[in-house]
Amino acid sequence: MGGEWGHVPLPWMTAAEYPGPSCWCGQNGCLDMLISGTGFRQDHAARSGKMLDGAAIVEAARHGEADAVASLDAYVDRLGRALAMIANIVDPDVFVFGGGMSNVEAIYARLPAVIDRYSFGGDWKGQVVPARWGDSSGVRGAARLWPR
C-alpha cells in the first residue's frame, strides 16, 4: 500500500464537492474518482450531460466551450489540492506525471500556482513535468522490476 494515494479523500473539499462521488472501494470523494482520467470524464459528463474522452474535453476547452473549460478548471484545481497535500508532507522538488492525463499539456503551466496556493506557507517552488518516456512510463518501469 506504500504510495497509494488514490483512495484518500480530496483535500479542502468545497461544499459543492462534498461528499464526493462514490468510489468502487466503498468510500466517497476518493482522489481516484476525481483526478484520474476516468474521474475527469465522469465529472464532465455530470456537468454537461456529455460523455466525452479526455482529449475531446480538453480540445473543447481549448475552443472555449463553457462546460469543458469548467471541467478542466475543476480538474486542475482538484489535482493541485491533492498535490499540495503531498507537498506539505514530503516537499518534493518535482512531480512527474504518467498516465493518460499526463498528455494534457495545459495542466503543466497551471498546476504550480495551485499547489503553491494550497501548500503550507504558500511557498512551494517545485516543478510539475511529464514523464520522460510518456504516459506509459510507470508501466514500463514496473515491467523492469522483475528479471526476465
C-alpha atoms as a PDB file:
ATOM      1  CA  MET A   1       0.000   0.000   0.000  1.00  0.00           C
ATOM      2  CA  GLY A   2       3.011   2.323   0.142  1.00  0.00           C
ATOM      3  CA  GLY A   3       2.424   5.361  -2.044  1.00  0.00           C
ATOM      4  CA  GLU A   4      -1.235   4.559  -2.755  1.00  0.00           C
ATOM      5  CA  TRP A   5      -2.985   7.893  -2.661  1.00  0.00           C
ATOM      6  CA  GLY A   6      -5.958   7.190  -4.915  1.00  0.00           C
ATOM      7  CA  HIS A   7      -8.168   6.228  -2.004  1.00  0.00           C
ATOM      8  CA  VAL A   8      -7.753   9.200   0.271  1.00  0.00           C
ATOM      9  CA  PRO A   9     -10.348  11.971   0.103  1.00  0.00           C
ATOM     10  CA  LEU A  10      -9.862  15.126  -1.891  1.00  0.00           C
ATOM     11  CA  PRO A  11      -8.334  17.729   0.437  1.00  0.00           C
ATOM     12  CA  TRP A  12     -10.032  21.071   1.025  1.00  0.00           C
ATOM     13  CA  MET A  13     -13.353  19.861  -0.426  1.00  0.00           C
ATOM     14  CA  THR A  14     -15.859  22.569  -1.162  1.00  0.00           C
ATOM     15  CA  ALA A  15     -19.467  22.269  -0.029  1.00  0.00           C
ATOM     16  CA  ALA A  16     -20.466  21.522  -3.635  1.00  0.00           C
ATOM     17  CA  GLU A  17     -17.901  18.704  -3.838  1.00  0.00           C
ATOM     18  CA  TYR A  18     -18.811  17.051  -0.537  1.00  0.00           C
ATOM     19  CA  PRO A  19     -19.150  14.110  -0.024  1.00  0.00           C
ATOM     20  CA  GLY A  20     -17.768  13.375  -3.481  1.00  0.00           C
ATOM     21  CA  PRO A  21     -18.614  10.623  -5.927  1.00  0.00           C
ATOM     22  CA  SER A  22     -18.946   7.043  -4.726  1.00  0.00           C
ATOM     23  CA  CYS A  23     -15.790   5.049  -5.278  1.00  0.00           C
ATOM     24  CA  TRP A  24     -15.535   1.376  -6.086  1.00  0.00           C
ATOM     25  CA  CYS A  25     -13.601   0.976  -2.793  1.00  0.00           C
ATOM     26  CA  GLY A  26     -16.758   1.806  -0.834  1.00  0.00           C
ATOM     27  CA  GLN A  27     -15.801   5.335   0.223  1.00  0.00           C
ATOM     28  CA  ASN A  28     -16.767   8.725  -1.208  1.00  0.00           C
ATOM     29  CA  GLY A  29     -14.623  11.528  -2.575  1.00  0.00           C
ATOM     30  CA  CYS A  30     -11.545   9.422  -3.315  1.00  0.00           C
ATOM     31  CA  LEU A  31      -8.874  11.041  -5.441  1.00  0.00           C
ATOM     32  CA  ASP A  32      -9.164   8.115  -7.854  1.00  0.00           C
ATOM     33  CA  MET A  33     -12.677   9.274  -8.724  1.00  0.00           C
ATOM     34  CA  LEU A  34     -11.700  12.929  -9.133  1.00  0.00           C
ATOM     35  CA  ILE A  35      -8.212  13.292 -10.600  1.00  0.00           C
ATOM     36  CA  SER A  36      -7.892  10.234 -12.818  1.00  0.00           C
ATOM     37  CA  GLY A  37      -8.785  10.344 -16.493  1.00  0.00           C
ATOM     38  CA  THR A  38     -11.933   8.398 -15.671  1.00  0.00           C
ATOM     39  CA  GLY A  39     -12.814  10.893 -12.959  1.00  0.00           C
ATOM     40  CA  PHE A  40     -12.221  13.788 -15.366  1.00  0.00           C
ATOM     41  CA  ARG A  41     -14.595  12.240 -17.924  1.00  0.00           C
ATOM     42  CA  GLN A  42     -17.245  11.424 -15.314  1.00  0.00           C
ATOM     43  CA  ASP A  43     -17.082  14.904 -13.808  1.00  0.00           C
ATOM     44  CA  HIS A  44     -17.511  16.406 -17.265  1.00  0.00           C
ATOM     45  CA  ALA A  45     -20.465  14.105 -18.004  1.00  0.00           C
ATOM     46  CA  ALA A  46     -22.132  15.156 -14.733  1.00  0.00           C
ATOM     47  CA  ARG A  47     -21.553  18.821 -15.572  1.00  0.00           C
ATOM     48  CA  SER A  48     -22.512  18.752 -19.250  1.00  0.00           C
ATOM     49  CA  GLY A  49     -24.541  15.615 -19.856  1.00  0.00           C
ATOM     50  CA  LYS A  50     -21.959  14.604 -22.499  1.00  0.00           C
ATOM     51  CA  MET A  51     -19.700  11.564 -22.103  1.00  0.00           C
ATOM     52  CA  LEU A  52     -16.535  12.529 -23.997  1.00  0.00           C
ATOM     53  CA  ASP A  53     -12.999  11.202 -23.798  1.00  0.00           C
ATOM     54  CA  GLY A  54     -10.410  13.351 -22.068  1.00  0.00           C
ATOM     55  CA  ALA A  55      -8.801  14.576 -25.280  1.00  0.00           C
ATOM     56  CA  ALA A  56     -12.168  15.761 -26.607  1.00  0.00           C
ATOM     57  CA  ILE A  57     -12.905  17.630 -23.372  1.00  0.00           C
ATOM     58  CA  VAL A  58      -9.502  19.323 -23.471  1.00  0.00           C
ATOM     59  CA  GLU A  59      -9.983  20.239 -27.140  1.00  0.00           C
ATOM     60  CA  ALA A  60     -13.438  21.674 -26.385  1.00  0.00           C
ATOM     61  CA  ALA A  61     -11.916  23.703 -23.538  1.00  0.00           C
ATOM     62  CA  ARG A  62      -9.244  24.993 -25.907  1.00  0.00           C
ATOM     63  CA  HIS A  63     -12.063  26.260 -28.133  1.00  0.00           C
ATOM     64  CA  GLY A  64     -13.787  27.978 -25.197  1.00  0.00           C
ATOM     65  CA  GLU A  65     -16.739  25.585 -24.703  1.00  0.00           C
ATOM     66  CA  ALA A  66     -18.001  26.627 -21.258  1.00  0.00           C
ATOM     67  CA  ASP A  67     -18.668  23.182 -19.742  1.00  0.00           C
ATOM     68  CA  ALA A  68     -15.304  21.873 -20.945  1.00  0.00           C
ATOM     69  CA  VAL A  69     -13.484  24.930 -19.562  1.00  0.00           C
ATOM     70  CA  ALA A  70     -15.244  24.422 -16.220  1.00  0.00           C
ATOM     71  CA  SER A  71     -14.352  20.714 -16.226  1.00  0.00           C
ATOM     72  CA  LEU A  72     -10.684  21.383 -16.950  1.00  0.00           C
ATOM     73  CA  ASP A  73     -10.557  24.187 -14.375  1.00  0.00           C
ATOM     74  CA  ALA A  74     -12.088  21.890 -11.731  1.00  0.00           C
ATOM     75  CA  TYR A  75      -9.650  19.119 -12.644  1.00  0.00           C
ATOM     76  CA  VAL A  76      -6.597  21.386 -12.335  1.00  0.00           C
ATOM     77  CA  ASP A  77      -7.806  22.793  -9.014  1.00  0.00           C
ATOM     78  CA  ARG A  78      -8.520  19.340  -7.576  1.00  0.00           C
ATOM     79  CA  LEU A  79      -5.227  17.910  -8.781  1.00  0.00           C
ATOM     80  CA  GLY A  80      -3.414  20.933  -7.372  1.00  0.00           C
ATOM     81  CA  ARG A  81      -5.053  20.455  -3.980  1.00  0.00           C
ATOM     82  CA  ALA A  82      -4.113  16.778  -3.952  1.00  0.00           C
ATOM     83  CA  LEU A  83      -0.514  17.563  -4.895  1.00  0.00           C
ATOM     84  CA  ALA A  84      -0.340  20.327  -2.275  1.00  0.00           C
ATOM     85  CA  MET A  85      -1.256  17.749   0.364  1.00  0.00           C
ATOM     86  CA  ILE A  86       1.743  15.660  -0.752  1.00  0.00           C
ATOM     87  CA  ALA A  87       3.959  18.757  -0.989  1.00  0.00           C
ATOM     88  CA  ASN A  88       3.047  19.601   2.609  1.00  0.00           C
ATOM     89  CA  ILE A  89       4.227  16.161   3.723  1.00  0.00           C
ATOM     90  CA  VAL A  90       7.364  15.472   1.664  1.00  0.00           C
ATOM     91  CA  ASP A  91       8.203  18.794  -0.073  1.00  0.00           C
ATOM     92  CA  PRO A  92       9.240  17.300  -3.426  1.00  0.00           C
ATOM     93  CA  ASP A  93      11.283  19.267  -5.912  1.00  0.00           C
ATOM     94  CA  VAL A  94       9.309  17.776  -8.787  1.00  0.00           C
ATOM     95  CA  PHE A  95       6.109  15.874  -9.509  1.00  0.00           C
ATOM     96  CA  VAL A  96       6.483  13.597 -12.538  1.00  0.00           C
ATOM     97  CA  PHE A  97       3.262  12.598 -14.287  1.00  0.00           C
ATOM     98  CA  GLY A  98       2.469   9.458 -16.217  1.00  0.00           C
ATOM     99  CA  GLY A  99      -0.849   8.025 -17.306  1.00  0.00           C
ATOM    100  CA  GLY A 100      -3.325   9.391 -19.788  1.00  0.00           C
ATOM    101  CA  MET A 101      -3.839  12.787 -18.166  1.00  0.00           C
ATOM    102  CA  SER A 102      -0.099  13.432 -18.409  1.00  0.00           C
ATOM    103  CA  ASN A 103      -0.743  14.108 -22.102  1.00  0.00           C
ATOM    104  CA  VAL A 104      -2.780  17.215 -21.246  1.00  0.00           C
ATOM    105  CA  GLU A 105      -0.152  19.892 -21.774  1.00  0.00           C
ATOM    106  CA  ALA A 106      -2.444  22.612 -20.424  1.00  0.00           C
ATOM    107  CA  ILE A 107      -2.047  21.382 -16.838  1.00  0.00           C
ATOM    108  CA  TYR A 108       1.718  21.840 -16.524  1.00  0.00           C
ATOM    109  CA  ALA A 109       1.789  25.630 -16.603  1.00  0.00           C
ATOM    110  CA  ARG A 110      -1.226  25.955 -14.302  1.00  0.00           C
ATOM    111  CA  LEU A 111      -0.525  23.441 -11.538  1.00  0.00           C
ATOM    112  CA  PRO A 112       2.438  25.068  -9.746  1.00  0.00           C
ATOM    113  CA  ALA A 113       0.355  28.117  -8.797  1.00  0.00           C
ATOM    114  CA  VAL A 114      -2.463  25.935  -7.466  1.00  0.00           C
ATOM    115  CA  ILE A 115      -0.045  23.766  -5.475  1.00  0.00           C
ATOM    116  CA  ASP A 116       1.581  26.909  -4.106  1.00  0.00           C
ATOM    117  CA  ARG A 117      -1.810  28.392  -3.146  1.00  0.00           C
ATOM    118  CA  TYR A 118      -2.748  25.326  -1.084  1.00  0.00           C
ATOM    119  CA  SER A 119       0.668  24.428   0.306  1.00  0.00           C
ATOM    120  CA  PHE A 120       1.552  25.412   3.842  1.00  0.00           C
ATOM    121  CA  GLY A 121       3.019  28.877   3.788  1.00  0.00           C
ATOM    122  CA  GLY A 122       2.264  29.255   0.085  1.00  0.00           C
ATOM    123  CA  ASP A 123       5.893  28.816  -0.807  1.00  0.00           C
ATOM    124  CA  TRP A 124       6.182  25.646  -2.898  1.00  0.00           C
ATOM    125  CA  LYS A 125       8.877  26.108  -5.538  1.00  0.00           C
ATOM    126  CA  GLY A 126       8.819  22.728  -7.288  1.00  0.00           C
ATOM    127  CA  GLN A 127       8.073  21.693 -10.840  1.00  0.00           C
ATOM    128  CA  VAL A 128       5.382  19.603 -12.496  1.00  0.00           C
ATOM    129  CA  VAL A 129       6.629  17.685 -15.538  1.00  0.00           C
ATOM    130  CA  PRO A 130       5.548  14.822 -17.794  1.00  0.00           C
ATOM    131  CA  ALA A 131       7.398  11.517 -17.545  1.00  0.00           C
ATOM    132  CA  ARG A 132      10.364  11.395 -19.892  1.00  0.00           C
ATOM    133  CA  TRP A 133       9.103   8.309 -21.728  1.00  0.00           C
ATOM    134  CA  GLY A 134       5.454   9.323 -21.952  1.00  0.00           C
ATOM    135  CA  ASP A 135       2.179   8.260 -20.452  1.00  0.00           C
ATOM    136  CA  SER A 136       3.153   4.579 -20.096  1.00  0.00           C
ATOM    137  CA  SER A 137       6.392   5.273 -18.219  1.00  0.00           C
ATOM    138  CA  GLY A 138       5.051   3.795 -14.989  1.00  0.00           C
ATOM    139  CA  VAL A 139       4.068   0.569 -16.696  1.00  0.00           C
ATOM    140  CA  ARG A 140       7.455   0.364 -18.392  1.00  0.00           C
ATOM    141  CA  GLY A 141       9.209   0.913 -15.076  1.00  0.00           C
ATOM    142  CA  ALA A 142       7.091  -1.698 -13.312  1.00  0.00           C
ATOM    143  CA  ALA A 143       7.894  -4.214 -16.050  1.00  0.00           C
ATOM    144  CA  ARG A 144      11.601  -3.767 -15.346  1.00  0.00           C
ATOM    145  CA  LEU A 145      11.265  -4.628 -11.661  1.00  0.00           C
ATOM    146  CA  TRP A 146      11.428  -8.374 -12.308  1.00  0.00           C
ATOM    147  CA  PRO A 147      14.131 -10.337 -14.100  1.00  0.00           C
ATOM    148  CA  ARG A 148      13.266 -11.837 -17.459  1.00  0.00           C
END
